[in-house]
Amino acid sequence: MLPGPVYFYLNITGTLFLAGAFAAFVGGLFWRRANTAGGYCAMIGGAVGSVTYFFHIPAAYAGMSAFALAAAGMVAGSLLARRAV
């Protein structure tokens, strides 16, 4: 069994990467308008959502906000940096 601080560290660092990577991966595979800028925004949004825990936000809300901000970043970044076809 892992001690509390080790589990906490693994949880935060995992969410930092996983939220943005999941949004970028799913958006890139299944959304035709997805682009690189959206992927970058998803990674940044996932990291920002994870770091909100350090501002005394409960861990469950910080984790969910990481995934929500990553998805919003994917959509907003892809639509704002849209290529002219």
PDB file of N, CA and C in Angstrom:
ATOM      1  N   MET A   1       0.846  -1.186   0.000  1.00  0.00           N
ATOM      2  CA  MET A   1       0.000   0.000   0.000  1.00  0.00           C
ATOM      3  C   MET A   1       0.887   1.244   0.000  1.00  0.00           C
ATOM      4  N   LEU A   2       0.573   2.165  -0.880  1.00  0.00           N
ATOM      5  CA  LEU A   2       1.360   3.390  -0.983  1.00  0.00           C
ATOM      6  C   LEU A   2       0.958   4.377   0.109  1.00  0.00           C
ATOM      7  N   PRO A   3       1.922   5.115   0.668  1.00  0.00           N
ATOM      8  CA  PRO A   3       1.574   6.159   1.629  1.00  0.00           C
ATOM      9  C   PRO A   3       0.816   7.300   0.941  1.00  0.00           C
ATOM     10  N   GLY A   4       0.112   8.077   1.712  1.00  0.00           N
ATOM     11  CA  GLY A   4      -0.715   9.155   1.189  1.00  0.00           C
ATOM     12  C   GLY A   4      -0.005  10.131   0.273  1.00  0.00           C
ATOM     13  N   PRO A   5       1.134  10.698   0.663  1.00  0.00           N
ATOM     14  CA  PRO A   5       1.802  11.671  -0.214  1.00  0.00           C
ATOM     15  C   PRO A   5       2.251  11.082  -1.552  1.00  0.00           C
ATOM     16  N   VAL A   6       2.655   9.818  -1.560  1.00  0.00           N
ATOM     17  CA  VAL A   6       3.078   9.191  -2.819  1.00  0.00           C
ATOM     18  C   VAL A   6       1.874   9.010  -3.733  1.00  0.00           C
ATOM     19  N   TYR A   7       0.769   8.553  -3.182  1.00  0.00           N
ATOM     20  CA  TYR A   7      -0.445   8.388  -3.981  1.00  0.00           C
ATOM     21  C   TYR A   7      -0.926   9.736  -4.517  1.00  0.00           C
ATOM     22  N   PHE A   8      -0.862  10.767  -3.679  1.00  0.00           N
ATOM     23  CA  PHE A   8      -1.260  12.102  -4.101  1.00  0.00           C
ATOM     24  C   PHE A   8      -0.392  12.590  -5.262  1.00  0.00           C
ATOM     25  N   TYR A   9       0.915  12.398  -5.157  1.00  0.00           N
ATOM     26  CA  TYR A   9       1.837  12.813  -6.219  1.00  0.00           C
ATOM     27  C   TYR A   9       1.513  12.084  -7.524  1.00  0.00           C
ATOM     28  N   LEU A  10       1.292  10.788  -7.453  1.00  0.00           N
ATOM     29  CA  LEU A  10       0.965  10.023  -8.652  1.00  0.00           C
ATOM     30  C   LEU A  10      -0.374  10.465  -9.248  1.00  0.00           C
ATOM     31  N   ASN A  11      -1.317  10.778  -8.405  1.00  0.00           N
ATOM     32  CA  ASN A  11      -2.626  11.209  -8.870  1.00  0.00           C
ATOM     33  C   ASN A  11      -2.545  12.550  -9.600  1.00  0.00           C
ATOM     34  N   ILE A  12      -1.860  13.518  -9.015  1.00  0.00           N
ATOM     35  CA  ILE A  12      -1.764  14.840  -9.636  1.00  0.00           C
ATOM     36  C   ILE A  12      -0.955  14.786 -10.931  1.00  0.00           C
ATOM     37  N   THR A  13       0.198  14.123 -10.915  1.00  0.00           N
ATOM     38  CA  THR A  13       1.016  14.077 -12.128  1.00  0.00           C
ATOM     39  C   THR A  13       0.333  13.265 -13.230  1.00  0.00           C
ATOM     40  N   GLY A  14      -0.410  12.242 -12.853  1.00  0.00           N
ATOM     41  CA  GLY A  14      -1.155  11.479 -13.851  1.00  0.00           C
ATOM     42  C   GLY A  14      -2.246  12.309 -14.491  1.00  0.00           C
ATOM     43  N   THR A  15      -2.956  13.090 -13.685  1.00  0.00           N
ATOM     44  CA  THR A  15      -4.031  13.926 -14.207  1.00  0.00           C
ATOM     45  C   THR A  15      -3.485  15.051 -15.060  1.00  0.00           C
ATOM     46  N   LEU A  16      -2.307  15.572 -14.714  1.00  0.00           N
ATOM     47  CA  LEU A  16      -1.692  16.635 -15.518  1.00  0.00           C
ATOM     48  C   LEU A  16      -1.569  16.206 -16.981  1.00  0.00           C
ATOM     49  N   PHE A  17      -1.121  14.992 -17.196  1.00  0.00           N
ATOM     50  CA  PHE A  17      -0.919  14.516 -18.561  1.00  0.00           C
ATOM     51  C   PHE A  17      -2.175  13.886 -19.152  1.00  0.00           C
ATOM     52  N   LEU A  18      -2.858  13.079 -18.366  1.00  0.00           N
ATOM     53  CA  LEU A  18      -3.940  12.268 -18.903  1.00  0.00           C
ATOM     54  C   LEU A  18      -5.111  13.097 -19.412  1.00  0.00           C
ATOM     55  N   ALA A  19      -5.479  14.150 -18.711  1.00  0.00           N
ATOM     56  CA  ALA A  19      -6.637  14.945 -19.118  1.00  0.00           C
ATOM     57  C   ALA A  19      -6.423  15.563 -20.501  1.00  0.00           C
ATOM     58  N   GLY A  20      -5.296  16.233 -20.683  1.00  0.00           N
ATOM     59  CA  GLY A  20      -5.023  16.861 -21.974  1.00  0.00           C
ATOM     60  C   GLY A  20      -4.774  15.857 -23.076  1.00  0.00           C
ATOM     61  N   ALA A  21      -4.055  14.787 -22.753  1.00  0.00           N
ATOM     62  CA  ALA A  21      -3.757  13.782 -23.773  1.00  0.00           C
ATOM     63  C   ALA A  21      -5.025  13.065 -24.227  1.00  0.00           C
ATOM     64  N   PHE A  22      -5.924  12.787 -23.294  1.00  0.00           N
ATOM     65  CA  PHE A  22      -7.175  12.118 -23.646  1.00  0.00           C
ATOM     66  C   PHE A  22      -8.024  12.996 -24.563  1.00  0.00           C
ATOM     67  N   ALA A  23      -8.152  14.276 -24.223  1.00  0.00           N
ATOM     68  CA  ALA A  23      -8.941  15.187 -25.054  1.00  0.00           C
ATOM     69  C   ALA A  23      -8.308  15.352 -26.435  1.00  0.00           C
ATOM     70  N   ALA A  24      -6.997  15.480 -26.492  1.00  0.00           N
ATOM     71  CA  ALA A  24      -6.323  15.640 -27.784  1.00  0.00           C
ATOM     72  C   ALA A  24      -6.422  14.366 -28.620  1.00  0.00           C
ATOM     73  N   PHE A  25      -6.291  13.223 -27.987  1.00  0.00           N
ATOM     74  CA  PHE A  25      -6.354  11.950 -28.698  1.00  0.00           C
ATOM     75  C   PHE A  25      -7.758  11.689 -29.251  1.00  0.00           C
ATOM     76  N   VAL A  26      -8.755  11.822 -28.414  1.00  0.00           N
ATOM     77  CA  VAL A  26     -10.133  11.574 -28.850  1.00  0.00           C
ATOM     78  C   VAL A  26     -10.571  12.627 -29.859  1.00  0.00           C
ATOM     79  N   GLY A  27     -10.250  13.891 -29.585  1.00  0.00           N
ATOM     80  CA  GLY A  27     -10.611  14.943 -30.538  1.00  0.00           C
ATOM     81  C   GLY A  27      -9.922  14.774 -31.870  1.00  0.00           C
ATOM     82  N   GLY A  28      -8.653  14.386 -31.839  1.00  0.00           N
ATOM     83  CA  GLY A  28      -7.914  14.198 -33.089  1.00  0.00           C
ATOM     84  C   GLY A  28      -8.411  13.028 -33.905  1.00  0.00           C
ATOM     85  N   LEU A  29      -8.897  12.000 -33.236  1.00  0.00           N
ATOM     86  CA  LEU A  29      -9.391  10.832 -33.967  1.00  0.00           C
ATOM     87  C   LEU A  29     -10.803  11.001 -34.502  1.00  0.00           C
ATOM     88  N   PHE A  30     -11.666  11.627 -33.728  1.00  0.00           N
ATOM     89  CA  PHE A  30     -13.089  11.600 -34.058  1.00  0.00           C
ATOM     90  C   PHE A  30     -13.686  12.940 -34.459  1.00  0.00           C
ATOM     91  N   TRP A  31     -12.895  14.000 -34.469  1.00  0.00           N
ATOM     92  CA  TRP A  31     -13.448  15.292 -34.845  1.00  0.00           C
ATOM     93  C   TRP A  31     -12.674  15.828 -36.038  1.00  0.00           C
ATOM     94  N   ARG A  32     -13.363  16.066 -37.108  1.00  0.00           N
ATOM     95  CA  ARG A  32     -12.731  16.467 -38.357  1.00  0.00           C
ATOM     96  C   ARG A  32     -12.044  17.827 -38.269  1.00  0.00           C
ATOM     97  N   ARG A  33     -12.549  18.724 -37.447  1.00  0.00           N
ATOM     98  CA  ARG A  33     -11.987  20.074 -37.358  1.00  0.00           C
ATOM     99  C   ARG A  33     -10.825  20.196 -36.375  1.00  0.00           C
ATOM    100  N   ALA A  34     -10.458  19.133 -35.714  1.00  0.00           N
ATOM    101  CA  ALA A  34      -9.367  19.189 -34.739  1.00  0.00           C
ATOM    102  C   ALA A  34      -8.047  19.509 -35.434  1.00  0.00           C
ATOM    103  N   ASN A  35      -7.200  20.269 -34.750  1.00  0.00           N
ATOM    104  CA  ASN A  35      -5.886  20.597 -35.297  1.00  0.00           C
ATOM    105  C   ASN A  35      -4.861  20.684 -34.161  1.00  0.00           C
ATOM    106  N   THR A  36      -3.639  21.012 -34.506  1.00  0.00           N
ATOM    107  CA  THR A  36      -2.545  21.026 -33.545  1.00  0.00           C
ATOM    108  C   THR A  36      -2.757  22.076 -32.458  1.00  0.00           C
ATOM    109  N   ALA A  37      -3.264  23.226 -32.821  1.00  0.00           N
ATOM    110  CA  ALA A  37      -3.497  24.274 -31.823  1.00  0.00           C
ATOM    111  C   ALA A  37      -4.514  23.802 -30.786  1.00  0.00           C
ATOM    112  N   GLY A  38      -5.520  23.085 -31.208  1.00  0.00           N
ATOM    113  CA  GLY A  38      -6.487  22.527 -30.268  1.00  0.00           C
ATOM    114  C   GLY A  38      -5.845  21.523 -29.332  1.00  0.00           C
ATOM    115  N   GLY A  39      -4.923  20.717 -29.839  1.00  0.00           N
ATOM    116  CA  GLY A  39      -4.217  19.760 -29.000  1.00  0.00           C
ATOM    117  C   GLY A  39      -3.360  20.443 -27.949  1.00  0.00           C
ATOM    118  N   TYR A  40      -2.674  21.514 -28.344  1.00  0.00           N
ATOM    119  CA  TYR A  40      -1.881  22.272 -27.378  1.00  0.00           C
ATOM    120  C   TYR A  40      -2.774  22.900 -26.311  1.00  0.00           C
ATOM    121  N   CYS A  41      -3.889  23.466 -26.738  1.00  0.00           N
ATOM    122  CA  CYS A  41      -4.814  24.076 -25.776  1.00  0.00           C
ATOM    123  C   CYS A  41      -5.405  23.029 -24.835  1.00  0.00           C
ATOM    124  N   ALA A  42      -5.640  21.824 -25.330  1.00  0.00           N
ATOM    125  CA  ALA A  42      -6.141  20.752 -24.474  1.00  0.00           C
ATOM    126  C   ALA A  42      -5.109  20.373 -23.422  1.00  0.00           C
ATOM    127  N   MET A  43      -3.859  20.279 -23.811  1.00  0.00           N
ATOM    128  CA  MET A  43      -2.807  19.945 -22.844  1.00  0.00           C
ATOM    129  C   MET A  43      -2.654  21.040 -21.791  1.00  0.00           C
ATOM    130  N   ILE A  44      -2.726  22.286 -22.202  1.00  0.00           N
ATOM    131  CA  ILE A  44      -2.617  23.397 -21.252  1.00  0.00           C
ATOM    132  C   ILE A  44      -3.829  23.426 -20.331  1.00  0.00           C
ATOM    133  N   GLY A  45      -5.015  23.218 -20.887  1.00  0.00           N
ATOM    134  CA  GLY A  45      -6.229  23.200 -20.069  1.00  0.00           C
ATOM    135  C   GLY A  45      -6.226  22.081 -19.050  1.00  0.00           C
ATOM    136  N   GLY A  46      -5.746  20.908 -19.434  1.00  0.00           N
ATOM    137  CA  GLY A  46      -5.643  19.800 -18.491  1.00  0.00           C
ATOM    138  C   GLY A  46      -4.674  20.089 -17.363  1.00  0.00           C
ATOM    139  N   ALA A  47      -3.578  20.734 -17.686  1.00  0.00           N
ATOM    140  CA  ALA A  47      -2.592  21.076 -16.652  1.00  0.00           C
ATOM    141  C   ALA A  47      -3.139  22.148 -15.714  1.00  0.00           C
ATOM    142  N   VAL A  48      -3.811  23.138 -16.257  1.00  0.00           N
ATOM    143  CA  VAL A  48      -4.378  24.201 -15.418  1.00  0.00           C
ATOM    144  C   VAL A  48      -5.447  23.633 -14.488  1.00  0.00           C
ATOM    145  N   GLY A  49      -6.271  22.744 -15.000  1.00  0.00           N
ATOM    146  CA  GLY A  49      -7.290  22.134 -14.160  1.00  0.00           C
ATOM    147  C   GLY A  49      -6.706  21.313 -13.037  1.00  0.00           C
ATOM    148  N   SER A  50      -5.622  20.623 -13.282  1.00  0.00           N
ATOM    149  CA  SER A  50      -4.984  19.820 -12.237  1.00  0.00           C
ATOM    150  C   SER A  50      -4.348  20.685 -11.171  1.00  0.00           C
ATOM    151  N   VAL A  51      -3.779  21.796 -11.572  1.00  0.00           N
ATOM    152  CA  VAL A  51      -3.082  22.670 -10.637  1.00  0.00           C
ATOM    153  C   VAL A  51      -4.065  23.428  -9.739  1.00  0.00           C
ATOM    154  N   THR A  52      -5.337  23.488 -10.112  1.00  0.00           N
ATOM    155  CA  THR A  52      -6.312  24.181  -9.260  1.00  0.00           C
ATOM    156  C   THR A  52      -6.426  23.542  -7.884  1.00  0.00           C
ATOM    157  N   TYR A  53      -5.977  22.309  -7.738  1.00  0.00           N
ATOM    158  CA  TYR A  53      -5.998  21.669  -6.418  1.00  0.00           C
ATOM    159  C   TYR A  53      -5.177  22.461  -5.406  1.00  0.00           C
ATOM    160  N   PHE A  54      -4.124  23.075  -5.851  1.00  0.00           N
ATOM    161  CA  PHE A  54      -3.256  23.814  -4.944  1.00  0.00           C
ATOM    162  C   PHE A  54      -3.866  25.131  -4.483  1.00  0.00           C
ATOM    163  N   PHE A  55      -5.012  25.496  -5.030  1.00  0.00           N
ATOM    164  CA  PHE A  55      -5.747  26.686  -4.595  1.00  0.00           C
ATOM    165  C   PHE A  55      -6.922  26.299  -3.706  1.00  0.00           C
ATOM    166  N   HIS A  56      -6.748  25.201  -2.964  1.00  0.00           N
ATOM    167  CA  HIS A  56      -7.717  24.707  -1.978  1.00  0.00           C
ATOM    168  C   HIS A  56      -9.045  24.298  -2.600  1.00  0.00           C
ATOM    169  N   ILE A  57      -8.995  23.754  -3.794  1.00  0.00           N
ATOM    170  CA  ILE A  57     -10.155  23.157  -4.445  1.00  0.00           C
ATOM    171  C   ILE A  57     -10.112  21.666  -4.109  1.00  0.00           C
ATOM    172  N   PRO A  58     -11.231  21.035  -3.771  1.00  0.00           N
ATOM    173  CA  PRO A  58     -11.194  19.588  -3.498  1.00  0.00           C
ATOM    174  C   PRO A  58     -10.647  18.800  -4.699  1.00  0.00           C
ATOM    175  N   ALA A  59      -9.982  17.695  -4.401  1.00  0.00           N
ATOM    176  CA  ALA A  59      -9.303  16.916  -5.443  1.00  0.00           C
ATOM    177  C   ALA A  59     -10.276  16.418  -6.509  1.00  0.00           C
ATOM    178  N   ALA A  60     -11.475  16.041  -6.113  1.00  0.00           N
ATOM    179  CA  ALA A  60     -12.445  15.547  -7.096  1.00  0.00           C
ATOM    180  C   ALA A  60     -12.835  16.644  -8.080  1.00  0.00           C
ATOM    181  N   TYR A  61     -13.032  17.859  -7.578  1.00  0.00           N
ATOM    182  CA  TYR A  61     -13.385  18.966  -8.466  1.00  0.00           C
ATOM    183  C   TYR A  61     -12.210  19.374  -9.347  1.00  0.00           C
ATOM    184  N   ALA A  62     -11.011  19.307  -8.810  1.00  0.00           N
ATOM    185  CA  ALA A  62      -9.822  19.643  -9.596  1.00  0.00           C
ATOM    186  C   ALA A  62      -9.639  18.642 -10.733  1.00  0.00           C
ATOM    187  N   GLY A  63      -9.859  17.372 -10.453  1.00  0.00           N
ATOM    188  CA  GLY A  63      -9.732  16.361 -11.498  1.00  0.00           C
ATOM    189  C   GLY A  63     -10.774  16.517 -12.588  1.00  0.00           C
ATOM    190  N   MET A  64     -12.014  16.764 -12.184  1.00  0.00           N
ATOM    191  CA  MET A  64     -13.067  16.949 -13.188  1.00  0.00           C
ATOM    192  C   MET A  64     -12.860  18.238 -13.975  1.00  0.00           C
ATOM    193  N   SER A  65     -12.382  19.291 -13.298  1.00  0.00           N
ATOM    194  CA  SER A  65     -12.132  20.531 -14.031  1.00  0.00           C
ATOM    195  C   SER A  65     -10.986  20.361 -15.017  1.00  0.00           C
ATOM    196  N   ALA A  66     -10.028  19.483 -14.712  1.00  0.00           N
ATOM    197  CA  ALA A  66      -8.930  19.238 -15.649  1.00  0.00           C
ATOM    198  C   ALA A  66      -9.467  18.641 -16.947  1.00  0.00           C
ATOM    199  N   PHE A  67     -10.358  17.662 -16.835  1.00  0.00           N
ATOM    200  CA  PHE A  67     -10.920  17.055 -18.043  1.00  0.00           C
ATOM    201  C   PHE A  67     -11.850  18.021 -18.770  1.00  0.00           C
ATOM    202  N   ALA A  68     -12.622  18.812 -18.025  1.00  0.00           N
ATOM    203  CA  ALA A  68     -13.520  19.776 -18.656  1.00  0.00           C
ATOM    204  C   ALA A  68     -12.734  20.877 -19.380  1.00  0.00           C
ATOM    205  N   LEU A  69     -11.690  21.396 -18.737  1.00  0.00           N
ATOM    206  CA  LEU A  69     -10.884  22.436 -19.376  1.00  0.00           C
ATOM    207  C   LEU A  69     -10.108  21.896 -20.570  1.00  0.00           C
ATOM    208  N   ALA A  70      -9.703  20.645 -20.505  1.00  0.00           N
ATOM    209  CA  ALA A  70      -9.003  20.046 -21.640  1.00  0.00           C
ATOM    210  C   ALA A  70      -9.944  19.915 -22.836  1.00  0.00           C
ATOM    211  N   ALA A  71     -11.153  19.467 -22.593  1.00  0.00           N
ATOM    212  CA  ALA A  71     -12.122  19.346 -23.688  1.00  0.00           C
ATOM    213  C   ALA A  71     -12.481  20.712 -24.252  1.00  0.00           C
ATOM    214  N   ALA A  72     -12.682  21.683 -23.364  1.00  0.00           N
ATOM    215  CA  ALA A  72     -12.994  23.036 -23.830  1.00  0.00           C
ATOM    216  C   ALA A  72     -11.816  23.632 -24.604  1.00  0.00           C
ATOM    217  N   GLY A  73     -10.608  23.360 -24.155  1.00  0.00           N
ATOM    218  CA  GLY A  73      -9.431  23.849 -24.864  1.00  0.00           C
ATOM    219  C   GLY A  73      -9.292  23.228 -26.244  1.00  0.00           C
ATOM    220  N   MET A  74      -9.620  21.952 -26.348  1.00  0.00           N
ATOM    221  CA  MET A  74      -9.555  21.286 -27.658  1.00  0.00           C
ATOM    222  C   MET A  74     -10.530  21.920 -28.636  1.00  0.00           C
ATOM    223  N   VAL A  75     -11.733  22.154 -28.180  1.00  0.00           N
ATOM    224  CA  VAL A  75     -12.757  22.741 -29.058  1.00  0.00           C
ATOM    225  C   VAL A  75     -12.403  24.185 -29.384  1.00  0.00           C
ATOM    226  N   ALA A  76     -12.103  24.991 -28.366  1.00  0.00           N
ATOM    227  CA  ALA A  76     -11.830  26.408 -28.594  1.00  0.00           C
ATOM    228  C   ALA A  76     -10.556  26.602 -29.426  1.00  0.00           C
ATOM    229  N   GLY A  77      -9.504  25.888 -29.103  1.00  0.00           N
ATOM    230  CA  GLY A  77      -8.259  26.027 -29.865  1.00  0.00           C
ATOM    231  C   GLY A  77      -8.404  25.596 -31.309  1.00  0.00           C
ATOM    232  N   SER A  78      -9.162  24.539 -31.538  1.00  0.00           N
ATOM    233  CA  SER A  78      -9.354  24.073 -32.906  1.00  0.00           C
ATOM    234  C   SER A  78     -10.214  25.028 -33.712  1.00  0.00           C
ATOM    235  N   LEU A  79     -11.227  25.613 -33.095  1.00  0.00           N
ATOM    236  CA  LEU A  79     -12.085  26.524 -33.827  1.00  0.00           C
ATOM    237  C   LEU A  79     -11.428  27.888 -34.052  1.00  0.00           C
ATOM    238  N   LEU A  80     -10.645  28.339 -33.091  1.00  0.00           N
ATOM    239  CA  LEU A  80      -9.994  29.645 -33.252  1.00  0.00           C
ATOM    240  C   LEU A  80      -8.829  29.601 -34.236  1.00  0.00           C
ATOM    241  N   ALA A  81      -8.168  28.469 -34.353  1.00  0.00           N
ATOM    242  CA  ALA A  81      -7.018  28.359 -35.253  1.00  0.00           C
ATOM    243  C   ALA A  81      -7.400  27.588 -36.515  1.00  0.00           C
ATOM    244  N   ARG A  82      -8.625  27.705 -36.912  1.00  0.00           N
ATOM    245  CA  ARG A  82      -9.132  26.981 -38.068  1.00  0.00           C
ATOM    246  C   ARG A  82      -8.439  27.427 -39.359  1.00  0.00           C
ATOM    247  N   ARG A  83      -8.128  26.462 -40.178  1.00  0.00           N
ATOM    248  CA  ARG A  83      -7.515  26.748 -41.479  1.00  0.00           C
ATOM    249  C   ARG A  83      -8.595  27.105 -42.493  1.00  0.00           C
ATOM    250  N   ALA A  84      -8.262  27.995 -43.379  1.00  0.00           N
ATOM    251  CA  ALA A  84      -9.173  28.328 -44.473  1.00  0.00           C
ATOM    252  C   ALA A  84      -9.066  27.254 -45.542  1.00  0.00           C
ATOM    253  N   VAL A  85     -10.179  26.677 -45.906  1.00  0.00           N
ATOM    254  CA  VAL A  85     -10.166  25.597 -46.905  1.00  0.00           C
ATOM    255  C   VAL A  85     -10.656  26.103 -48.228  1.00  0.00           C
TER     256      VAL A  85
END
